[in-house]
Amino acid sequence: PDCKIFTSSRTVISPADLPGNITHYSKQNCDVEGGDADFCDVLSSAFSHSAEDEEDTSEFVIFFTFGQHVGPNAFSRNIRAAANFCKAIRTLLKGRRFRIVITGTDATYPSTRLDPILKINGESYCVPTYKIGDGNFVYAMSKLCQFYMIAEAVVEVLDANHIKFSVDNLKLIRERISEMQTHITAAGNDGKYHGGSHAGISMAELNEISTEWENLEDKLKSYVHVAKGISICYTPLHAHPWVEQSFGRCLLESHGSPKGYVLQQIVRRFKNSMSTRKAALAHL
């Protein structure tokens, strides 16, 4: 195939298990201090392969997929991963043709978003969608913060004046990043919304940040795109926390089975789950 693909994750994959046009890098430090070196290594490798072809004027499409929603410091790790990525693109993307596609999540939609109605054989069914809520509040904020951080880096790399991006919009992006980072740091491992009792960003304010992003993304659509329509995808990422929680619940409550708990987590999400294939296609 003419298209060359470079991928990176924590997973170790043998080159023998991949098509000839795909190169995989196993990187372990993308979400820790100094992790920009891992991003730089992967991007530099991709650019060096391109340099071997003197006639290659292709646009680089870079996919950023990182969204921890459970685990120690999950929300801060989302921000750290974005910061590392942004440091790498500030270092390496000047003068290059590129477009960045960020893996989105329905969790960043405003809490006021109406659920769609599906009609089948004359019957109407409400299809519940994820959106900003009490339970996923800080996770949604951390994803929105990623969007804003990457947008800021892209504007700086391309030069705001060159792409006709207003100073006021860049100022807004920086203000929102600061507000969200402050809230996420203070929240720690507590991802819930606590209303007026919790100092920081309110539900209404996060809804506004979400709505503002739609406008900002439209202004940067030639350079930044968030993959939309992604809800629950069953992947190995869910396995560890669900299994860990299942044993904890059984020990505390002295009834039920670990298998039953995991099955319950899966079944109750069927109402708005999707295949990994459909999620992947949302990026294209």
C-alpha atoms as a PDB file:
ATOM      1  CA  PRO A   1       0.000   0.000   0.000  1.00  0.00           C
ATOM      2  CA  ASP A   2       1.112   3.577  -0.689  1.00  0.00           C
ATOM      3  CA  CYS A   3       0.026   4.808   2.738  1.00  0.00           C
ATOM      4  CA  LYS A   4       2.627   4.463   5.501  1.00  0.00           C
ATOM      5  CA  ILE A   5       1.269   4.085   9.023  1.00  0.00           C
ATOM      6  CA  PHE A   6       3.159   4.547  12.281  1.00  0.00           C
ATOM      7  CA  THR A   7       1.454   3.517  15.513  1.00  0.00           C
ATOM      8  CA  SER A   8       2.408   3.736  19.162  1.00  0.00           C
ATOM      9  CA  SER A   9       1.012   2.309  22.394  1.00  0.00           C
ATOM     10  CA  ARG A  10       2.242   0.456  25.468  1.00  0.00           C
ATOM     11  CA  THR A  11       1.653  -2.849  23.696  1.00  0.00           C
ATOM     12  CA  VAL A  12       4.628  -4.753  22.308  1.00  0.00           C
ATOM     13  CA  ILE A  13       3.830  -6.032  18.804  1.00  0.00           C
ATOM     14  CA  SER A  14       6.112  -8.107  16.602  1.00  0.00           C
ATOM     15  CA  PRO A  15       6.704  -6.638  13.113  1.00  0.00           C
ATOM     16  CA  ALA A  16       5.904 -10.095  11.745  1.00  0.00           C
ATOM     17  CA  ASP A  17       2.309  -9.667  12.952  1.00  0.00           C
ATOM     18  CA  LEU A  18       1.782  -6.402  11.041  1.00  0.00           C
ATOM     19  CA  PRO A  19       1.262  -5.516   7.372  1.00  0.00           C
ATOM     20  CA  GLY A  20       4.390  -4.260   5.615  1.00  0.00           C
ATOM     21  CA  ASN A  21       3.272  -0.616   5.588  1.00  0.00           C
ATOM     22  CA  ILE A  22       2.746  -0.421   9.368  1.00  0.00           C
ATOM     23  CA  THR A  23       5.495   0.295  11.903  1.00  0.00           C
ATOM     24  CA  HIS A  24       4.670   0.042  15.605  1.00  0.00           C
ATOM     25  CA  TYR A  25       6.512   1.594  18.538  1.00  0.00           C
ATOM     26  CA  SER A  26       5.998   0.422  22.105  1.00  0.00           C
ATOM     27  CA  LYS A  27       6.160   3.459  24.386  1.00  0.00           C
ATOM     28  CA  GLN A  28       5.543   3.455  28.131  1.00  0.00           C
ATOM     29  CA  ASN A  29       5.939   7.080  29.233  1.00  0.00           C
ATOM     30  CA  CYS A  30       3.506   9.173  27.219  1.00  0.00           C
ATOM     31  CA  ASP A  31       1.537  10.266  30.301  1.00  0.00           C
ATOM     32  CA  VAL A  32       4.402  11.002  32.704  1.00  0.00           C
ATOM     33  CA  GLU A  33       6.839  13.876  33.105  1.00  0.00           C
ATOM     34  CA  GLY A  34       9.295  13.859  30.212  1.00  0.00           C
ATOM     35  CA  GLY A  35       7.005  11.750  28.053  1.00  0.00           C
ATOM     36  CA  ASP A  36       7.312  14.210  25.185  1.00  0.00           C
ATOM     37  CA  ALA A  37      10.476  12.287  24.240  1.00  0.00           C
ATOM     38  CA  ASP A  38       8.347   9.257  23.372  1.00  0.00           C
ATOM     39  CA  PHE A  39       6.078  11.336  21.146  1.00  0.00           C
ATOM     40  CA  CYS A  40       9.085  13.005  19.521  1.00  0.00           C
ATOM     41  CA  ASP A  41      10.663   9.633  18.796  1.00  0.00           C
ATOM     42  CA  VAL A  42       7.593   8.333  16.951  1.00  0.00           C
ATOM     43  CA  LEU A  43       7.003  11.548  15.005  1.00  0.00           C
ATOM     44  CA  SER A  44      10.685  11.886  14.082  1.00  0.00           C
ATOM     45  CA  SER A  45      10.708   8.331  12.759  1.00  0.00           C
ATOM     46  CA  ALA A  46       7.676   9.026  10.592  1.00  0.00           C
ATOM     47  CA  PHE A  47       9.220  12.214   9.232  1.00  0.00           C
ATOM     48  CA  SER A  48      12.553  10.502   8.504  1.00  0.00           C
ATOM     49  CA  HIS A  49      10.800   7.854   6.397  1.00  0.00           C
ATOM     50  CA  SER A  50       9.059  10.627   4.483  1.00  0.00           C
ATOM     51  CA  ALA A  51      12.384  12.396   3.885  1.00  0.00           C
ATOM     52  CA  GLU A  52      13.650   9.310   2.070  1.00  0.00           C
ATOM     53  CA  ASP A  53      11.155  10.038  -0.698  1.00  0.00           C
ATOM     54  CA  GLU A  54      12.173  13.323  -2.326  1.00  0.00           C
ATOM     55  CA  GLU A  55       8.854  13.631  -4.147  1.00  0.00           C
ATOM     56  CA  ASP A  56       6.755  13.003  -1.054  1.00  0.00           C
ATOM     57  CA  THR A  57       4.640  16.080  -0.288  1.00  0.00           C
ATOM     58  CA  SER A  58       1.984  14.197   1.648  1.00  0.00           C
ATOM     59  CA  GLU A  59       0.060  15.707   4.504  1.00  0.00           C
ATOM     60  CA  PHE A  60       0.741  14.008   7.827  1.00  0.00           C
ATOM     61  CA  VAL A  61      -2.427  12.948   9.628  1.00  0.00           C
ATOM     62  CA  ILE A  62      -1.685  12.445  13.321  1.00  0.00           C
ATOM     63  CA  PHE A  63      -4.191  10.616  15.525  1.00  0.00           C
ATOM     64  CA  PHE A  64      -4.133  11.344  19.268  1.00  0.00           C
ATOM     65  CA  THR A  65      -6.005   8.763  21.345  1.00  0.00           C
ATOM     66  CA  PHE A  66      -5.633   9.016  25.101  1.00  0.00           C
ATOM     67  CA  GLY A  67      -8.511   9.050  27.579  1.00  0.00           C
ATOM     68  CA  GLN A  68      -8.094   7.420  30.978  1.00  0.00           C
ATOM     69  CA  HIS A  69     -11.299   7.496  33.007  1.00  0.00           C
ATOM     70  CA  VAL A  70     -10.327   5.262  35.941  1.00  0.00           C
ATOM     71  CA  GLY A  71      -7.161   4.503  37.870  1.00  0.00           C
ATOM     72  CA  PRO A  72      -4.704   6.580  39.914  1.00  0.00           C
ATOM     73  CA  ASN A  73      -4.583  10.222  38.757  1.00  0.00           C
ATOM     74  CA  ALA A  74      -6.452   9.293  35.572  1.00  0.00           C
ATOM     75  CA  PHE A  75      -7.602  12.840  34.837  1.00  0.00           C
ATOM     76  CA  SER A  76      -4.220  14.436  35.508  1.00  0.00           C
ATOM     77  CA  ARG A  77      -2.628  11.766  33.309  1.00  0.00           C
ATOM     78  CA  ASN A  78      -4.936  12.785  30.473  1.00  0.00           C
ATOM     79  CA  ILE A  79      -3.638  16.325  30.817  1.00  0.00           C
ATOM     80  CA  ARG A  80      -0.014  15.219  31.094  1.00  0.00           C
ATOM     81  CA  ALA A  81      -0.321  13.098  27.936  1.00  0.00           C
ATOM     82  CA  ALA A  82      -1.758  16.072  26.044  1.00  0.00           C
ATOM     83  CA  ALA A  83       0.974  18.365  27.376  1.00  0.00           C
ATOM     84  CA  ASN A  84       3.673  15.913  26.236  1.00  0.00           C
ATOM     85  CA  PHE A  85       2.055  15.585  22.817  1.00  0.00           C
ATOM     86  CA  CYS A  86       1.796  19.357  22.463  1.00  0.00           C
ATOM     87  CA  LYS A  87       5.455  19.824  23.392  1.00  0.00           C
ATOM     88  CA  ALA A  88       6.401  17.328  20.674  1.00  0.00           C
ATOM     89  CA  ILE A  89       4.311  18.957  17.944  1.00  0.00           C
ATOM     90  CA  ARG A  90       5.617  22.417  18.877  1.00  0.00           C
ATOM     91  CA  THR A  91       9.112  21.021  18.413  1.00  0.00           C
ATOM     92  CA  LEU A  92       8.606  19.050  15.208  1.00  0.00           C
ATOM     93  CA  LEU A  93       5.646  20.299  13.153  1.00  0.00           C
ATOM     94  CA  LYS A  94       6.761  23.779  12.090  1.00  0.00           C
ATOM     95  CA  GLY A  95       6.919  23.983   8.315  1.00  0.00           C
ATOM     96  CA  ARG A  96       5.078  20.703   7.775  1.00  0.00           C
ATOM     97  CA  ARG A  97       1.641  19.974   6.327  1.00  0.00           C
ATOM     98  CA  PHE A  98      -0.391  18.221   8.982  1.00  0.00           C
ATOM     99  CA  ARG A  99      -3.801  17.559  10.430  1.00  0.00           C
ATOM    100  CA  ILE A 100      -4.493  16.257  13.931  1.00  0.00           C
ATOM    101  CA  VAL A 101      -7.440  13.983  14.704  1.00  0.00           C
ATOM    102  CA  ILE A 102      -8.298  13.629  18.395  1.00  0.00           C
ATOM    103  CA  THR A 103     -10.354  10.728  19.728  1.00  0.00           C
ATOM    104  CA  GLY A 104     -13.444  12.312  21.207  1.00  0.00           C
ATOM    105  CA  THR A 105     -16.152  11.013  23.506  1.00  0.00           C
ATOM    106  CA  ASP A 106     -19.863  11.689  23.851  1.00  0.00           C
ATOM    107  CA  ALA A 107     -19.063  12.482  27.496  1.00  0.00           C
ATOM    108  CA  THR A 108     -18.022  16.006  26.428  1.00  0.00           C
ATOM    109  CA  TYR A 109     -21.440  16.954  25.051  1.00  0.00           C
ATOM    110  CA  PRO A 110     -23.290  19.561  27.174  1.00  0.00           C
ATOM    111  CA  SER A 111     -25.469  18.091  29.916  1.00  0.00           C
ATOM    112  CA  THR A 112     -28.436  19.883  28.328  1.00  0.00           C
ATOM    113  CA  ARG A 113     -28.110  17.987  25.017  1.00  0.00           C
ATOM    114  CA  LEU A 114     -31.340  16.226  24.071  1.00  0.00           C
ATOM    115  CA  ASP A 115     -31.256  12.486  23.503  1.00  0.00           C
ATOM    116  CA  PRO A 116     -32.116  11.471  19.912  1.00  0.00           C
ATOM    117  CA  ILE A 117     -35.373   9.706  19.139  1.00  0.00           C
ATOM    118  CA  LEU A 118     -35.215   6.596  16.954  1.00  0.00           C
ATOM    119  CA  LYS A 119     -38.350   5.492  15.108  1.00  0.00           C
ATOM    120  CA  ILE A 120     -38.791   1.815  14.249  1.00  0.00           C
ATOM    121  CA  ASN A 121     -42.010   0.511  12.691  1.00  0.00           C
ATOM    122  CA  GLY A 122     -43.901   3.570  13.859  1.00  0.00           C
ATOM    123  CA  GLU A 123     -42.664   3.273  17.450  1.00  0.00           C
ATOM    124  CA  SER A 124     -40.450   5.954  18.990  1.00  0.00           C
ATOM    125  CA  TYR A 125     -37.488   5.025  21.177  1.00  0.00           C
ATOM    126  CA  CYS A 126     -35.286   7.391  23.140  1.00  0.00           C
ATOM    127  CA  VAL A 127     -31.611   6.558  22.633  1.00  0.00           C
ATOM    128  CA  PRO A 128     -29.696   7.706  25.726  1.00  0.00           C
ATOM    129  CA  THR A 129     -26.351   9.280  24.935  1.00  0.00           C
ATOM    130  CA  TYR A 130     -23.407  10.070  27.143  1.00  0.00           C
ATOM    131  CA  LYS A 131     -22.954  13.693  28.045  1.00  0.00           C
ATOM    132  CA  ILE A 132     -21.488  15.784  30.841  1.00  0.00           C
ATOM    133  CA  GLY A 133     -22.975  14.544  34.103  1.00  0.00           C
ATOM    134  CA  ASP A 134     -22.442  14.225  37.831  1.00  0.00           C
ATOM    135  CA  GLY A 135     -20.530  10.953  37.553  1.00  0.00           C
ATOM    136  CA  ASN A 136     -18.164  11.726  34.677  1.00  0.00           C
ATOM    137  CA  PHE A 137     -17.704  15.445  35.271  1.00  0.00           C
ATOM    138  CA  VAL A 138     -13.922  15.618  35.705  1.00  0.00           C
ATOM    139  CA  TYR A 139     -13.267  12.976  33.032  1.00  0.00           C
ATOM    140  CA  ALA A 140     -15.281  15.044  30.531  1.00  0.00           C
ATOM    141  CA  MET A 141     -13.371  18.137  31.608  1.00  0.00           C
ATOM    142  CA  SER A 142     -10.023  16.402  31.113  1.00  0.00           C
ATOM    143  CA  LYS A 143     -10.990  15.439  27.566  1.00  0.00           C
ATOM    144  CA  LEU A 144     -12.162  18.970  26.759  1.00  0.00           C
ATOM    145  CA  CYS A 145      -8.922  20.280  28.204  1.00  0.00           C
ATOM    146  CA  GLN A 146      -7.018  18.013  25.801  1.00  0.00           C
ATOM    147  CA  PHE A 147      -8.924  19.543  22.873  1.00  0.00           C
ATOM    148  CA  TYR A 148      -8.105  23.076  23.985  1.00  0.00           C
ATOM    149  CA  MET A 149      -4.442  22.293  24.689  1.00  0.00           C
ATOM    150  CA  ILE A 150      -3.894  20.727  21.270  1.00  0.00           C
ATOM    151  CA  ALA A 151      -5.713  23.609  19.588  1.00  0.00           C
ATOM    152  CA  GLU A 152      -3.428  26.106  21.338  1.00  0.00           C
ATOM    153  CA  ALA A 153      -0.313  24.220  20.212  1.00  0.00           C
ATOM    154  CA  VAL A 154      -1.559  23.987  16.613  1.00  0.00           C
ATOM    155  CA  VAL A 155      -2.291  27.723  16.467  1.00  0.00           C
ATOM    156  CA  GLU A 156       1.193  28.481  17.792  1.00  0.00           C
ATOM    157  CA  VAL A 157       2.858  26.130  15.294  1.00  0.00           C
ATOM    158  CA  LEU A 158       0.946  27.551  12.327  1.00  0.00           C
ATOM    159  CA  ASP A 159       1.027  31.192  13.550  1.00  0.00           C
ATOM    160  CA  ALA A 160      -2.325  32.732  14.448  1.00  0.00           C
ATOM    161  CA  ASN A 161      -1.913  35.584  11.973  1.00  0.00           C
ATOM    162  CA  HIS A 162      -1.087  33.209   9.123  1.00  0.00           C
ATOM    163  CA  ILE A 163      -4.280  31.163   9.592  1.00  0.00           C
ATOM    164  CA  LYS A 164      -6.345  34.241  10.513  1.00  0.00           C
ATOM    165  CA  PHE A 165      -7.118  32.990  14.033  1.00  0.00           C
ATOM    166  CA  SER A 166      -8.097  35.897  16.251  1.00  0.00           C
ATOM    167  CA  VAL A 167      -6.158  36.994  19.313  1.00  0.00           C
ATOM    168  CA  ASP A 168      -9.407  36.920  21.330  1.00  0.00           C
ATOM    169  CA  ASN A 169     -10.005  33.267  20.486  1.00  0.00           C
ATOM    170  CA  LEU A 170      -6.448  32.335  21.425  1.00  0.00           C
ATOM    171  CA  LYS A 171      -6.861  34.227  24.703  1.00  0.00           C
ATOM    172  CA  LEU A 172     -10.104  32.330  25.366  1.00  0.00           C
ATOM    173  CA  ILE A 173      -8.379  29.002  24.741  1.00  0.00           C
ATOM    174  CA  ARG A 174      -5.601  29.830  27.208  1.00  0.00           C
ATOM    175  CA  GLU A 175      -8.037  31.016  29.866  1.00  0.00           C
ATOM    176  CA  ARG A 176     -10.102  27.840  29.565  1.00  0.00           C
ATOM    177  CA  ILE A 177      -7.010  25.626  29.760  1.00  0.00           C
ATOM    178  CA  SER A 178      -5.921  27.347  32.966  1.00  0.00           C
ATOM    179  CA  GLU A 179      -9.392  27.031  34.542  1.00  0.00           C
ATOM    180  CA  MET A 180      -9.733  23.349  33.671  1.00  0.00           C
ATOM    181  CA  GLN A 181      -6.217  22.401  34.748  1.00  0.00           C
ATOM    182  CA  THR A 182      -6.766  24.087  38.122  1.00  0.00           C
ATOM    183  CA  HIS A 183     -10.036  22.208  38.681  1.00  0.00           C
ATOM    184  CA  ILE A 184      -8.613  18.840  37.543  1.00  0.00           C
ATOM    185  CA  THR A 185      -5.562  19.171  39.805  1.00  0.00           C
ATOM    186  CA  ALA A 186      -7.751  20.018  42.802  1.00  0.00           C
ATOM    187  CA  ALA A 187     -10.147  17.139  42.069  1.00  0.00           C
ATOM    188  CA  GLY A 188      -7.412  14.488  42.207  1.00  0.00           C
ATOM    189  CA  ASN A 189      -9.034  11.065  41.876  1.00  0.00           C
ATOM    190  CA  ASP A 190     -12.548  12.380  42.580  1.00  0.00           C
ATOM    191  CA  GLY A 191     -14.253  12.537  39.191  1.00  0.00           C
ATOM    192  CA  LYS A 192     -17.702  13.529  40.435  1.00  0.00           C
ATOM    193  CA  TYR A 193     -19.519  16.855  40.325  1.00  0.00           C
ATOM    194  CA  HIS A 194     -20.272  18.326  43.724  1.00  0.00           C
ATOM    195  CA  GLY A 195     -22.353  21.324  42.765  1.00  0.00           C
ATOM    196  CA  GLY A 196     -21.962  24.522  44.719  1.00  0.00           C
ATOM    197  CA  SER A 197     -20.026  22.771  47.468  1.00  0.00           C
ATOM    198  CA  HIS A 198     -17.002  22.256  45.232  1.00  0.00           C
ATOM    199  CA  ALA A 199     -14.902  25.250  44.323  1.00  0.00           C
ATOM    200  CA  GLY A 200     -14.082  25.352  40.639  1.00  0.00           C
ATOM    201  CA  ILE A 201     -15.968  25.005  37.384  1.00  0.00           C
ATOM    202  CA  SER A 202     -19.739  24.579  37.593  1.00  0.00           C
ATOM    203  CA  MET A 203     -21.876  22.320  35.416  1.00  0.00           C
ATOM    204  CA  ALA A 204     -23.182  25.360  33.519  1.00  0.00           C
ATOM    205  CA  GLU A 205     -19.634  26.613  32.938  1.00  0.00           C
ATOM    206  CA  LEU A 206     -18.446  23.246  31.600  1.00  0.00           C
ATOM    207  CA  ASN A 207     -21.463  23.166  29.287  1.00  0.00           C
ATOM    208  CA  GLU A 208     -20.350  26.576  28.021  1.00  0.00           C
ATOM    209  CA  ILE A 209     -16.768  25.339  27.512  1.00  0.00           C
ATOM    210  CA  SER A 210     -18.150  22.410  25.505  1.00  0.00           C
ATOM    211  CA  THR A 211     -20.269  24.705  23.324  1.00  0.00           C
ATOM    212  CA  GLU A 212     -17.362  27.115  22.825  1.00  0.00           C
ATOM    213  CA  TRP A 213     -15.217  24.227  21.617  1.00  0.00           C
ATOM    214  CA  GLU A 214     -17.616  23.517  18.748  1.00  0.00           C
ATOM    215  CA  ASN A 215     -17.093  27.072  17.491  1.00  0.00           C
ATOM    216  CA  LEU A 216     -13.303  26.945  17.949  1.00  0.00           C
ATOM    217  CA  GLU A 217     -13.017  23.585  16.222  1.00  0.00           C
ATOM    218  CA  ASP A 218     -14.941  24.942  13.239  1.00  0.00           C
ATOM    219  CA  LYS A 219     -12.397  27.759  12.893  1.00  0.00           C
ATOM    220  CA  LEU A 220      -9.544  25.212  12.963  1.00  0.00           C
ATOM    221  CA  LYS A 221     -11.248  22.444  10.964  1.00  0.00           C
ATOM    222  CA  SER A 222      -8.476  22.299   8.363  1.00  0.00           C
ATOM    223  CA  TYR A 223      -5.956  21.425  11.067  1.00  0.00           C
ATOM    224  CA  VAL A 224      -7.786  19.892  14.056  1.00  0.00           C
ATOM    225  CA  HIS A 225     -10.690  17.468  14.141  1.00  0.00           C
ATOM    226  CA  VAL A 226     -12.319  15.642  17.048  1.00  0.00           C
ATOM    227  CA  ALA A 227     -13.779  12.235  16.166  1.00  0.00           C
ATOM    228  CA  LYS A 228     -17.428  12.379  17.196  1.00  0.00           C
ATOM    229  CA  GLY A 229     -20.196   9.950  18.022  1.00  0.00           C
ATOM    230  CA  ILE A 230     -18.027   7.706  20.204  1.00  0.00           C
ATOM    231  CA  SER A 231     -19.760   6.270  23.246  1.00  0.00           C
ATOM    232  CA  ILE A 232     -18.847   2.973  24.940  1.00  0.00           C
ATOM    233  CA  CYS A 233     -16.456   0.657  23.113  1.00  0.00           C
ATOM    234  CA  TYR A 234     -15.675  -2.648  24.775  1.00  0.00           C
ATOM    235  CA  THR A 235     -11.903  -2.971  24.787  1.00  0.00           C
ATOM    236  CA  PRO A 236      -9.319  -4.559  27.101  1.00  0.00           C
ATOM    237  CA  LEU A 237      -9.034  -1.146  28.790  1.00  0.00           C
ATOM    238  CA  HIS A 238     -12.264  -1.917  30.643  1.00  0.00           C
ATOM    239  CA  ALA A 239     -11.170  -5.354  31.793  1.00  0.00           C
ATOM    240  CA  HIS A 240      -8.804  -4.467  34.631  1.00  0.00           C
ATOM    241  CA  PRO A 241     -10.989  -1.945  36.535  1.00  0.00           C
ATOM    242  CA  TRP A 242     -14.154  -4.031  36.179  1.00  0.00           C
ATOM    243  CA  VAL A 243     -12.454  -7.211  37.369  1.00  0.00           C
ATOM    244  CA  GLU A 244     -10.795  -5.355  40.241  1.00  0.00           C
ATOM    245  CA  GLN A 245     -14.106  -3.773  41.268  1.00  0.00           C
ATOM    246  CA  SER A 246     -15.965  -7.080  40.968  1.00  0.00           C
ATOM    247  CA  PHE A 247     -13.824  -8.789  43.601  1.00  0.00           C
ATOM    248  CA  GLY A 248     -13.949  -5.751  45.871  1.00  0.00           C
ATOM    249  CA  ARG A 249     -17.740  -5.575  45.733  1.00  0.00           C
ATOM    250  CA  CYS A 250     -18.135  -9.265  46.452  1.00  0.00           C
ATOM    251  CA  LEU A 251     -15.850  -9.090  49.475  1.00  0.00           C
ATOM    252  CA  LEU A 252     -17.609  -6.026  50.865  1.00  0.00           C
ATOM    253  CA  GLU A 253     -21.178  -7.120  50.227  1.00  0.00           C
ATOM    254  CA  SER A 254     -20.627 -10.845  50.871  1.00  0.00           C
ATOM    255  CA  HIS A 255     -22.921 -11.833  48.025  1.00  0.00           C
ATOM    256  CA  GLY A 256     -22.980 -12.043  44.266  1.00  0.00           C
ATOM    257  CA  SER A 257     -20.210 -13.265  42.003  1.00  0.00           C
ATOM    258  CA  PRO A 258     -17.353 -11.494  40.239  1.00  0.00           C
ATOM    259  CA  LYS A 259     -18.563 -12.809  36.876  1.00  0.00           C
ATOM    260  CA  GLY A 260     -22.050 -11.493  37.570  1.00  0.00           C
ATOM    261  CA  TYR A 261     -20.720  -8.020  38.350  1.00  0.00           C
ATOM    262  CA  VAL A 262     -18.677  -7.824  35.129  1.00  0.00           C
ATOM    263  CA  LEU A 263     -21.660  -9.087  33.108  1.00  0.00           C
ATOM    264  CA  GLN A 264     -23.835  -6.412  34.713  1.00  0.00           C
ATOM    265  CA  GLN A 265     -21.378  -3.690  33.636  1.00  0.00           C
ATOM    266  CA  ILE A 266     -21.524  -4.905  30.049  1.00  0.00           C
ATOM    267  CA  VAL A 267     -25.281  -5.471  29.746  1.00  0.00           C
ATOM    268  CA  ARG A 268     -26.373  -2.135  31.193  1.00  0.00           C
ATOM    269  CA  ARG A 269     -24.215  -0.324  28.619  1.00  0.00           C
ATOM    270  CA  PHE A 270     -25.721  -2.081  25.611  1.00  0.00           C
ATOM    271  CA  LYS A 271     -28.168   0.827  25.326  1.00  0.00           C
ATOM    272  CA  ASN A 272     -25.468   3.031  23.797  1.00  0.00           C
ATOM    273  CA  SER A 273     -22.472   0.828  23.063  1.00  0.00           C
ATOM    274  CA  MET A 274     -20.732   0.594  19.697  1.00  0.00           C
ATOM    275  CA  SER A 275     -18.208  -1.587  17.935  1.00  0.00           C
ATOM    276  CA  THR A 276     -14.508  -0.716  17.903  1.00  0.00           C
ATOM    277  CA  ARG A 277     -14.718  -0.779  14.098  1.00  0.00           C
ATOM    278  CA  LYS A 278     -17.396   1.918  14.055  1.00  0.00           C
ATOM    279  CA  ALA A 279     -15.373   3.979  16.537  1.00  0.00           C
ATOM    280  CA  ALA A 280     -12.280   3.683  14.342  1.00  0.00           C
ATOM    281  CA  LEU A 281     -14.229   4.770  11.252  1.00  0.00           C
ATOM    282  CA  ALA A 282     -15.407   7.884  13.134  1.00  0.00           C
ATOM    283  CA  HIS A 283     -11.830   9.184  12.872  1.00  0.00           C
ATOM    284  CA  LEU A 284     -11.756   9.086   9.051  1.00  0.00           C
END
